[in-house]
Protein backbone atom coordinates (compact mmCIF):
# COMPACT_ATOMS: atom_id res chain seq x y z
CA MET A 1 -29.70 25.58 70.83
CA LEU A 2 -30.93 24.21 67.05
CA SER A 3 -33.61 24.00 66.59
CA VAL A 4 -34.98 21.87 62.65
CA LEU A 5 -36.38 25.40 61.52
CA SER A 6 -32.90 26.54 62.09
CA ILE A 7 -30.79 23.81 60.68
CA ALA A 8 -33.12 21.59 58.14
CA PRO A 9 -33.05 23.85 55.48
CA PHE A 10 -29.24 23.09 55.30
CA ILE A 11 -29.12 19.42 55.70
CA ILE A 12 -32.65 19.80 52.52
CA ALA A 13 -29.88 21.86 50.78
CA ALA A 14 -27.42 19.22 50.72
CA ILE A 15 -28.80 16.22 49.94
CA LEU A 16 -30.86 17.93 47.04
CA ALA A 17 -27.79 18.85 46.06
CA LEU A 18 -25.72 15.23 46.23
CA ILE A 19 -29.83 13.63 44.73
CA ILE A 20 -28.95 16.94 41.63
CA ASN A 21 -25.58 15.61 41.32
CA ALA A 22 -26.13 12.04 41.16
CA VAL A 23 -29.09 12.12 38.27
CA VAL A 24 -26.67 14.87 36.14
CA PRO A 25 -23.23 15.17 37.09
CA ALA A 26 -21.42 16.26 34.08
CA LEU A 27 -23.16 19.59 36.54
CA GLY A 28 -20.31 19.37 38.76
CA LEU A 29 -20.95 19.40 42.46
CA GLY A 30 -20.34 23.65 42.44
CA TRP A 31 -24.07 23.70 40.26
CA SER A 32 -25.48 20.93 42.50
CA TRP A 33 -25.04 22.46 45.46
CA ILE A 34 -26.45 26.08 43.78
CA SER A 35 -29.16 24.61 42.48
CA GLY A 36 -30.09 22.77 45.51
CA VAL A 37 -29.70 25.76 47.76
CA SER A 38 -31.54 26.97 45.74
CA LEU A 39 -34.84 24.86 45.73
CA ALA A 40 -34.38 24.54 49.44
CA SER A 41 -34.31 28.19 49.48
CA PHE A 42 -37.34 28.19 47.66
CA GLY A 43 -38.83 25.38 49.32
CA THR A 44 -37.94 27.50 52.76
CA TYR A 45 -39.27 30.74 51.95
CA GLY A 46 -43.05 28.67 50.76
CA TYR A 47 -42.83 26.82 54.26
CA ASP A 48 -41.94 30.12 56.21
CA LYS A 49 -45.12 31.87 54.65
CA SER A 50 -47.41 29.75 55.03
CA ILE A 51 -47.08 28.99 59.18
CA ALA A 52 -46.69 32.73 59.26
CA GLY A 53 -49.63 34.61 61.02
CA ARG A 54 -50.19 30.50 63.07
CA GLY A 55 -48.37 31.13 66.53
CA VAL A 56 -46.03 28.90 65.68
CA THR A 57 -42.39 28.79 65.60
CA ARG A 58 -41.02 30.52 62.36
CA VAL A 59 -37.53 30.45 60.22
CA PRO A 60 -34.92 33.00 61.43
CA GLU A 61 -33.82 35.12 59.22
CA VAL A 62 -30.79 34.99 59.32
CA VAL A 63 -31.38 31.10 57.91
CA LEU A 64 -32.88 33.46 54.74
CA HIS A 65 -29.54 34.87 54.16
CA LEU A 66 -27.82 32.34 55.30
CA LEU A 67 -29.54 29.79 52.67
CA THR A 68 -29.17 33.38 50.52
CA ALA A 69 -25.82 33.54 51.09
CA LEU A 70 -24.61 29.86 50.24
CA GLY A 71 -25.66 30.41 47.13
CA GLY A 72 -29.12 29.54 47.14
CA SER A 73 -30.10 34.05 45.55
CA ILE A 74 -32.42 32.74 42.52
CA GLY A 75 -34.68 30.29 45.06
CA SER A 76 -34.86 33.24 47.72
CA PHE A 77 -35.32 35.78 45.56
CA ALA A 78 -37.80 33.17 43.87
CA GLY A 79 -39.57 32.35 46.66
CA MET A 80 -40.23 36.26 48.04
CA GLN A 81 -41.16 36.69 44.79
CA ILE A 82 -44.12 34.24 44.05
CA PHE A 83 -45.02 33.77 47.69
CA ARG A 84 -45.14 37.18 48.18
CA HIS A 85 -42.96 37.57 51.74
CA LYS A 86 -40.17 39.47 53.07
CA THR A 87 -40.52 42.18 50.54
CA GLN A 88 -42.09 44.90 52.46
CA LYS A 89 -39.58 44.15 55.44
CA LYS A 90 -37.07 47.14 54.67
CA SER A 91 -34.18 45.97 56.70
CA PHE A 92 -34.67 41.93 55.61
CA GLN A 93 -34.87 43.44 52.01
CA LEU A 94 -31.37 45.76 52.83
CA VAL A 95 -29.55 42.41 54.18
CA PHE A 96 -30.77 40.81 50.99
CA TRP A 97 -29.81 42.30 48.65
CA ALA A 98 -26.34 43.38 49.92
CA ILE A 99 -25.56 39.69 50.19
CA VAL A 100 -26.52 39.78 46.94
CA ILE A 101 -24.04 42.62 45.63
CA ILE A 102 -21.44 41.41 46.89
CA GLN A 103 -22.11 38.04 45.11
CA ILE A 104 -21.37 39.38 41.55
CA VAL A 105 -18.84 41.51 43.04
CA VAL A 106 -16.80 38.38 43.71
CA ILE A 107 -18.59 36.03 40.04
CA ILE A 108 -17.00 39.42 38.84
CA LEU A 109 -13.54 39.62 40.36
CA LEU A 110 -13.55 35.55 39.88
CA LEU A 111 -14.54 36.38 35.97
CA THR A 112 -11.88 38.58 35.88
CA ARG A 113 -9.14 37.68 36.95
CA ARG A 114 -6.02 36.66 34.85
């Protein structure tokens, strides 16, 4: 069963993307989504760090990785650095950077295709 902590960041990302698109329609839905999911990702890292060690249910790591994979790389990276969250966990870092590298390769391929 999905918990609120598993789905709330994605709902927030969608709402933020719609708001950003309504306020700045020139960005388009793609950039609005990237902005919204980055903000949601940043906030999710901050929230998870704030509840760490309190004995309450944490945000699953798969949610943090999905936010990154769905376009929130900038927000995820900023959240890790500013909140000093998940920066020492090697297995988490490995997955995070693998996602970022795949995204960079996809962007390069999209920009260089004819």
